[in-house]
Amino acid sequence: MVLESKLTEQQLFDQLVSSLVHSAWVYLGTMKNPMNDKLEKDLEQASIQIDMLDMIYKRMTGNLSQDEEKFFSENIHALKINYVEQKNNPNEKSGINSNKNQKEKKS
C-alpha cells in the first residue's frame, strides 16, 4: 500500500539523504541530539550512517544529478575525515565546529 504523499520522489530522496547525513553528524558528537539537546558521541552508529550513505552513493552511480553527486561526495568526504580524526583522538573535540570551539577557549 502506498501512502499518500505531497512530496515528489526527488524531495523524498533529498530528505532521506539529508536525514542520514544529519544523523551521522549527531553520532559524531558535532551536533546536538535533537531529542535531548545534548552532544553525544557514538562512533559505531556514526560509522553505520556513513557506510549507508556510501552504499547509496555507490549504488546510485550514473543516476545522480550534478548537485546530488556534489552533495554526496562532499558530505561523505567530510564525515569520513571527521570520523577518522575522532577515532584517532577520542578525547579531543573534533568536527565541523572544532575550530570555533578552539577559538572560543582561547578568548
N, C-alpha and C. Protein backbone atom coordinates (compact mmCIF):
# COMPACT_ATOMS: atom_id res chain seq x y z
N MET A 1 0.84 -1.17 0.00
CA MET A 1 0.00 0.00 0.00
C MET A 1 0.89 1.24 0.00
N VAL A 2 0.65 2.13 -0.89
CA VAL A 2 1.40 3.37 -0.99
C VAL A 2 0.66 4.45 -0.20
N LEU A 3 1.41 5.11 0.68
CA LEU A 3 0.82 6.21 1.44
C LEU A 3 0.73 7.44 0.56
N GLU A 4 -0.27 8.24 0.81
CA GLU A 4 -0.39 9.49 0.06
C GLU A 4 0.68 10.45 0.56
N SER A 5 1.39 11.04 -0.37
CA SER A 5 2.42 12.00 -0.03
C SER A 5 2.34 13.15 -1.00
N LYS A 6 2.51 14.33 -0.48
CA LYS A 6 2.50 15.51 -1.34
C LYS A 6 3.92 15.84 -1.80
N LEU A 7 4.87 15.02 -1.37
CA LEU A 7 6.26 15.25 -1.76
C LEU A 7 6.59 14.44 -3.00
N THR A 8 7.45 15.00 -3.82
CA THR A 8 7.89 14.29 -5.02
C THR A 8 8.95 13.26 -4.61
N GLU A 9 9.25 12.35 -5.51
CA GLU A 9 10.30 11.37 -5.25
C GLU A 9 11.63 12.07 -5.00
N GLN A 10 11.89 13.15 -5.72
CA GLN A 10 13.12 13.91 -5.53
C GLN A 10 13.20 14.47 -4.11
N GLN A 11 12.09 15.04 -3.64
CA GLN A 11 12.06 15.59 -2.29
C GLN A 11 12.23 14.50 -1.24
N LEU A 12 11.60 13.37 -1.46
CA LEU A 12 11.74 12.25 -0.53
C LEU A 12 13.18 11.74 -0.49
N PHE A 13 13.81 11.64 -1.67
CA PHE A 13 15.20 11.19 -1.75
C PHE A 13 16.10 12.18 -1.02
N ASP A 14 15.90 13.48 -1.26
CA ASP A 14 16.70 14.52 -0.60
C ASP A 14 16.54 14.44 0.92
N GLN A 15 15.33 14.22 1.38
CA GLN A 15 15.09 14.11 2.82
C GLN A 15 15.78 12.88 3.41
N LEU A 16 15.73 11.76 2.70
CA LEU A 16 16.38 10.54 3.16
C LEU A 16 17.87 10.76 3.33
N VAL A 17 18.50 11.30 2.30
CA VAL A 17 19.95 11.52 2.34
C VAL A 17 20.31 12.54 3.41
N SER A 18 19.57 13.63 3.48
CA SER A 18 19.83 14.66 4.49
C SER A 18 19.67 14.11 5.90
N SER A 19 18.71 13.24 6.09
CA SER A 19 18.49 12.63 7.39
C SER A 19 19.68 11.77 7.80
N LEU A 20 20.21 11.00 6.87
CA LEU A 20 21.38 10.17 7.17
C LEU A 20 22.60 11.02 7.47
N VAL A 21 22.79 12.10 6.71
CA VAL A 21 23.91 13.00 6.93
C VAL A 21 23.79 13.63 8.32
N HIS A 22 22.62 14.14 8.64
CA HIS A 22 22.40 14.77 9.94
C HIS A 22 22.65 13.77 11.07
N SER A 23 22.12 12.57 10.93
CA SER A 23 22.31 11.55 11.97
C SER A 23 23.79 11.22 12.16
N ALA A 24 24.53 11.15 11.08
CA ALA A 24 25.96 10.87 11.19
C ALA A 24 26.67 11.96 11.99
N TRP A 25 26.35 13.24 11.70
CA TRP A 25 26.97 14.35 12.45
C TRP A 25 26.58 14.30 13.92
N VAL A 26 25.33 13.94 14.20
CA VAL A 26 24.89 13.84 15.60
C VAL A 26 25.67 12.73 16.30
N TYR A 27 25.79 11.57 15.66
CA TYR A 27 26.52 10.45 16.26
C TYR A 27 28.01 10.75 16.41
N LEU A 28 28.55 11.61 15.57
CA LEU A 28 29.94 12.01 15.71
C LEU A 28 30.13 13.00 16.86
N GLY A 29 29.02 13.49 17.40
CA GLY A 29 29.08 14.41 18.53
C GLY A 29 29.37 15.84 18.14
N THR A 30 29.15 16.18 16.87
CA THR A 30 29.42 17.53 16.40
C THR A 30 28.17 18.39 16.34
N MET A 31 27.01 17.75 16.47
CA MET A 31 25.73 18.44 16.50
C MET A 31 24.94 17.89 17.68
N LYS A 32 24.12 18.74 18.28
CA LYS A 32 23.31 18.28 19.41
C LYS A 32 22.24 17.30 18.94
N ASN A 33 22.01 16.31 19.78
CA ASN A 33 20.93 15.37 19.53
C ASN A 33 19.61 16.13 19.70
N PRO A 34 18.77 16.18 18.69
CA PRO A 34 17.53 16.96 18.79
C PRO A 34 16.54 16.40 19.81
N MET A 35 16.74 15.16 20.22
CA MET A 35 15.83 14.55 21.19
C MET A 35 16.08 15.04 22.61
N ASN A 36 17.36 15.38 22.93
CA ASN A 36 17.66 15.79 24.30
C ASN A 36 18.52 17.05 24.38
N ASP A 37 18.83 17.63 23.23
CA ASP A 37 19.61 18.87 23.13
C ASP A 37 20.99 18.74 23.76
N LYS A 38 21.59 17.53 23.65
CA LYS A 38 22.93 17.29 24.19
C LYS A 38 23.85 16.77 23.09
N LEU A 39 25.15 17.08 23.26
CA LEU A 39 26.16 16.50 22.38
C LEU A 39 26.48 15.10 22.90
N GLU A 40 26.35 14.12 22.04
CA GLU A 40 26.63 12.74 22.39
C GLU A 40 27.44 12.12 21.27
N LYS A 41 28.32 11.21 21.63
CA LYS A 41 29.15 10.58 20.61
C LYS A 41 28.94 9.08 20.63
N ASP A 42 28.69 8.51 19.45
CA ASP A 42 28.57 7.06 19.27
C ASP A 42 29.21 6.74 17.93
N LEU A 43 30.51 6.45 17.98
CA LEU A 43 31.26 6.25 16.74
C LEU A 43 30.82 5.02 15.97
N GLU A 44 30.32 4.02 16.67
CA GLU A 44 29.82 2.82 15.97
C GLU A 44 28.61 3.18 15.11
N GLN A 45 27.67 3.93 15.69
CA GLN A 45 26.50 4.34 14.92
C GLN A 45 26.87 5.34 13.82
N ALA A 46 27.83 6.22 14.10
CA ALA A 46 28.30 7.15 13.07
C ALA A 46 28.84 6.38 11.88
N SER A 47 29.61 5.35 12.17
CA SER A 47 30.19 4.52 11.11
C SER A 47 29.10 3.86 10.26
N ILE A 48 28.06 3.38 10.91
CA ILE A 48 26.95 2.75 10.18
C ILE A 48 26.26 3.77 9.27
N GLN A 49 26.01 4.97 9.78
CA GLN A 49 25.37 6.01 8.97
C GLN A 49 26.23 6.36 7.75
N ILE A 50 27.54 6.51 7.99
CA ILE A 50 28.47 6.85 6.90
C ILE A 50 28.50 5.72 5.87
N ASP A 51 28.54 4.48 6.35
CA ASP A 51 28.55 3.33 5.43
C ASP A 51 27.27 3.27 4.61
N MET A 52 26.12 3.59 5.23
CA MET A 52 24.86 3.58 4.47
C MET A 52 24.88 4.66 3.39
N LEU A 53 25.37 5.84 3.74
CA LEU A 53 25.47 6.91 2.74
C LEU A 53 26.38 6.50 1.60
N ASP A 54 27.51 5.92 1.94
CA ASP A 54 28.48 5.48 0.93
C ASP A 54 27.87 4.41 0.03
N MET A 55 27.11 3.48 0.61
CA MET A 55 26.47 2.42 -0.17
C MET A 55 25.45 3.01 -1.13
N ILE A 56 24.62 3.95 -0.64
CA ILE A 56 23.62 4.58 -1.51
C ILE A 56 24.33 5.32 -2.65
N TYR A 57 25.38 6.05 -2.31
CA TYR A 57 26.15 6.81 -3.30
C TYR A 57 26.70 5.89 -4.39
N LYS A 58 27.28 4.77 -3.98
CA LYS A 58 27.84 3.83 -4.96
C LYS A 58 26.75 3.17 -5.79
N ARG A 59 25.64 2.83 -5.17
CA ARG A 59 24.54 2.18 -5.88
C ARG A 59 23.84 3.12 -6.85
N MET A 60 23.94 4.42 -6.59
CA MET A 60 23.28 5.42 -7.43
C MET A 60 24.19 5.99 -8.52
N THR A 61 25.41 5.47 -8.61
CA THR A 61 26.35 5.97 -9.61
C THR A 61 25.71 5.95 -11.00
N GLY A 62 25.79 7.08 -11.67
CA GLY A 62 25.21 7.21 -13.01
C GLY A 62 23.76 7.69 -12.99
N ASN A 63 23.16 7.74 -11.82
CA ASN A 63 21.76 8.16 -11.71
C ASN A 63 21.59 9.43 -10.88
N LEU A 64 22.68 10.09 -10.55
CA LEU A 64 22.61 11.29 -9.73
C LEU A 64 22.81 12.54 -10.59
N SER A 65 22.12 13.60 -10.22
CA SER A 65 22.36 14.89 -10.88
C SER A 65 23.72 15.42 -10.40
N GLN A 66 24.22 16.46 -11.04
CA GLN A 66 25.49 17.04 -10.63
C GLN A 66 25.41 17.54 -9.19
N ASP A 67 24.31 18.17 -8.84
CA ASP A 67 24.14 18.67 -7.47
C ASP A 67 24.11 17.54 -6.45
N GLU A 68 23.41 16.46 -6.79
CA GLU A 68 23.36 15.31 -5.89
C GLU A 68 24.73 14.67 -5.75
N GLU A 69 25.43 14.54 -6.85
CA GLU A 69 26.78 13.98 -6.85
C GLU A 69 27.69 14.79 -5.93
N LYS A 70 27.63 16.11 -6.07
CA LYS A 70 28.45 17.01 -5.26
C LYS A 70 28.06 16.90 -3.78
N PHE A 71 26.77 16.90 -3.49
CA PHE A 71 26.29 16.80 -2.12
C PHE A 71 26.79 15.52 -1.46
N PHE A 72 26.61 14.40 -2.15
CA PHE A 72 27.07 13.11 -1.62
C PHE A 72 28.57 13.12 -1.39
N SER A 73 29.34 13.44 -2.42
CA SER A 73 30.80 13.33 -2.32
C SER A 73 31.37 14.25 -1.25
N GLU A 74 30.88 15.49 -1.18
CA GLU A 74 31.40 16.42 -0.18
C GLU A 74 31.04 15.99 1.24
N ASN A 75 29.80 15.55 1.44
CA ASN A 75 29.39 15.14 2.77
C ASN A 75 30.06 13.84 3.21
N ILE A 76 30.14 12.87 2.34
CA ILE A 76 30.79 11.61 2.69
C ILE A 76 32.26 11.86 3.02
N HIS A 77 32.91 12.68 2.22
CA HIS A 77 34.33 13.01 2.48
C HIS A 77 34.49 13.67 3.86
N ALA A 78 33.68 14.68 4.14
CA ALA A 78 33.77 15.39 5.42
C ALA A 78 33.47 14.46 6.60
N LEU A 79 32.46 13.62 6.44
CA LEU A 79 32.11 12.68 7.51
C LEU A 79 33.23 11.67 7.76
N LYS A 80 33.82 11.15 6.70
CA LYS A 80 34.90 10.17 6.86
C LYS A 80 36.14 10.80 7.52
N ILE A 81 36.49 12.01 7.09
CA ILE A 81 37.63 12.71 7.69
C ILE A 81 37.37 12.92 9.18
N ASN A 82 36.18 13.41 9.51
CA ASN A 82 35.83 13.66 10.91
C ASN A 82 35.83 12.38 11.72
N TYR A 83 35.31 11.31 11.14
CA TYR A 83 35.27 10.02 11.84
C TYR A 83 36.69 9.55 12.17
N VAL A 84 37.57 9.60 11.19
CA VAL A 84 38.96 9.16 11.40
C VAL A 84 39.63 10.01 12.48
N GLU A 85 39.43 11.32 12.42
CA GLU A 85 40.02 12.21 13.43
C GLU A 85 39.53 11.84 14.82
N GLN A 86 38.24 11.59 14.95
CA GLN A 86 37.70 11.25 16.27
C GLN A 86 38.12 9.87 16.73
N LYS A 87 38.24 8.95 15.81
CA LYS A 87 38.68 7.59 16.14
C LYS A 87 40.12 7.62 16.64
N ASN A 88 40.96 8.46 16.02
CA ASN A 88 42.37 8.55 16.39
C ASN A 88 42.60 9.41 17.62
N ASN A 89 41.71 10.35 17.91
CA ASN A 89 41.83 11.25 19.05
C ASN A 89 40.52 11.29 19.81
N PRO A 90 40.17 10.21 20.51
CA PRO A 90 38.85 10.12 21.12
C PRO A 90 38.59 11.15 22.22
N ASN A 91 39.62 11.70 22.84
CA ASN A 91 39.42 12.65 23.94
C ASN A 91 39.35 14.10 23.48
N GLU A 92 39.70 14.34 22.21
CA GLU A 92 39.66 15.70 21.67
C GLU A 92 38.31 15.97 21.05
N LYS A 93 37.87 17.23 21.16
CA LYS A 93 36.66 17.62 20.44
C LYS A 93 37.05 17.82 19.00
N SER A 94 36.29 17.22 18.13
CA SER A 94 36.58 17.31 16.71
C SER A 94 35.30 17.59 15.98
N GLY A 95 35.40 18.03 14.75
CA GLY A 95 34.20 18.18 13.95
C GLY A 95 34.09 19.52 13.29
N ILE A 96 32.93 19.76 12.72
CA ILE A 96 32.73 20.96 11.94
C ILE A 96 32.81 22.21 12.80
N ASN A 97 32.60 22.09 14.10
CA ASN A 97 32.66 23.25 14.97
C ASN A 97 33.95 23.30 15.79
N SER A 98 34.91 22.40 15.54
CA SER A 98 36.09 22.32 16.38
C SER A 98 36.94 23.57 16.33
N ASN A 99 37.11 24.19 15.16
CA ASN A 99 37.90 25.41 15.07
C ASN A 99 37.24 26.53 15.85
N LYS A 100 35.94 26.62 15.78
CA LYS A 100 35.20 27.63 16.51
C LYS A 100 35.38 27.42 18.01
N ASN A 101 35.28 26.18 18.46
CA ASN A 101 35.42 25.87 19.88
C ASN A 101 36.82 26.21 20.37
N GLN A 102 37.84 25.93 19.56
CA GLN A 102 39.21 26.21 19.96
C GLN A 102 39.42 27.72 20.08
N LYS A 103 38.85 28.51 19.18
CA LYS A 103 38.97 29.96 19.25
C LYS A 103 38.28 30.50 20.49
N GLU A 104 37.11 29.94 20.83
CA GLU A 104 36.37 30.40 21.98
C GLU A 104 37.13 30.10 23.27
N LYS A 105 37.84 28.96 23.33
CA LYS A 105 38.61 28.59 24.52
C LYS A 105 39.76 29.55 24.74
N LYS A 106 40.36 30.06 23.66
CA LYS A 106 41.49 30.97 23.76
C LYS A 106 41.07 32.34 24.26
N SER A 107 39.83 32.72 24.03
CA SER A 107 39.34 34.06 24.41
C SER A 107 39.19 34.21 25.90
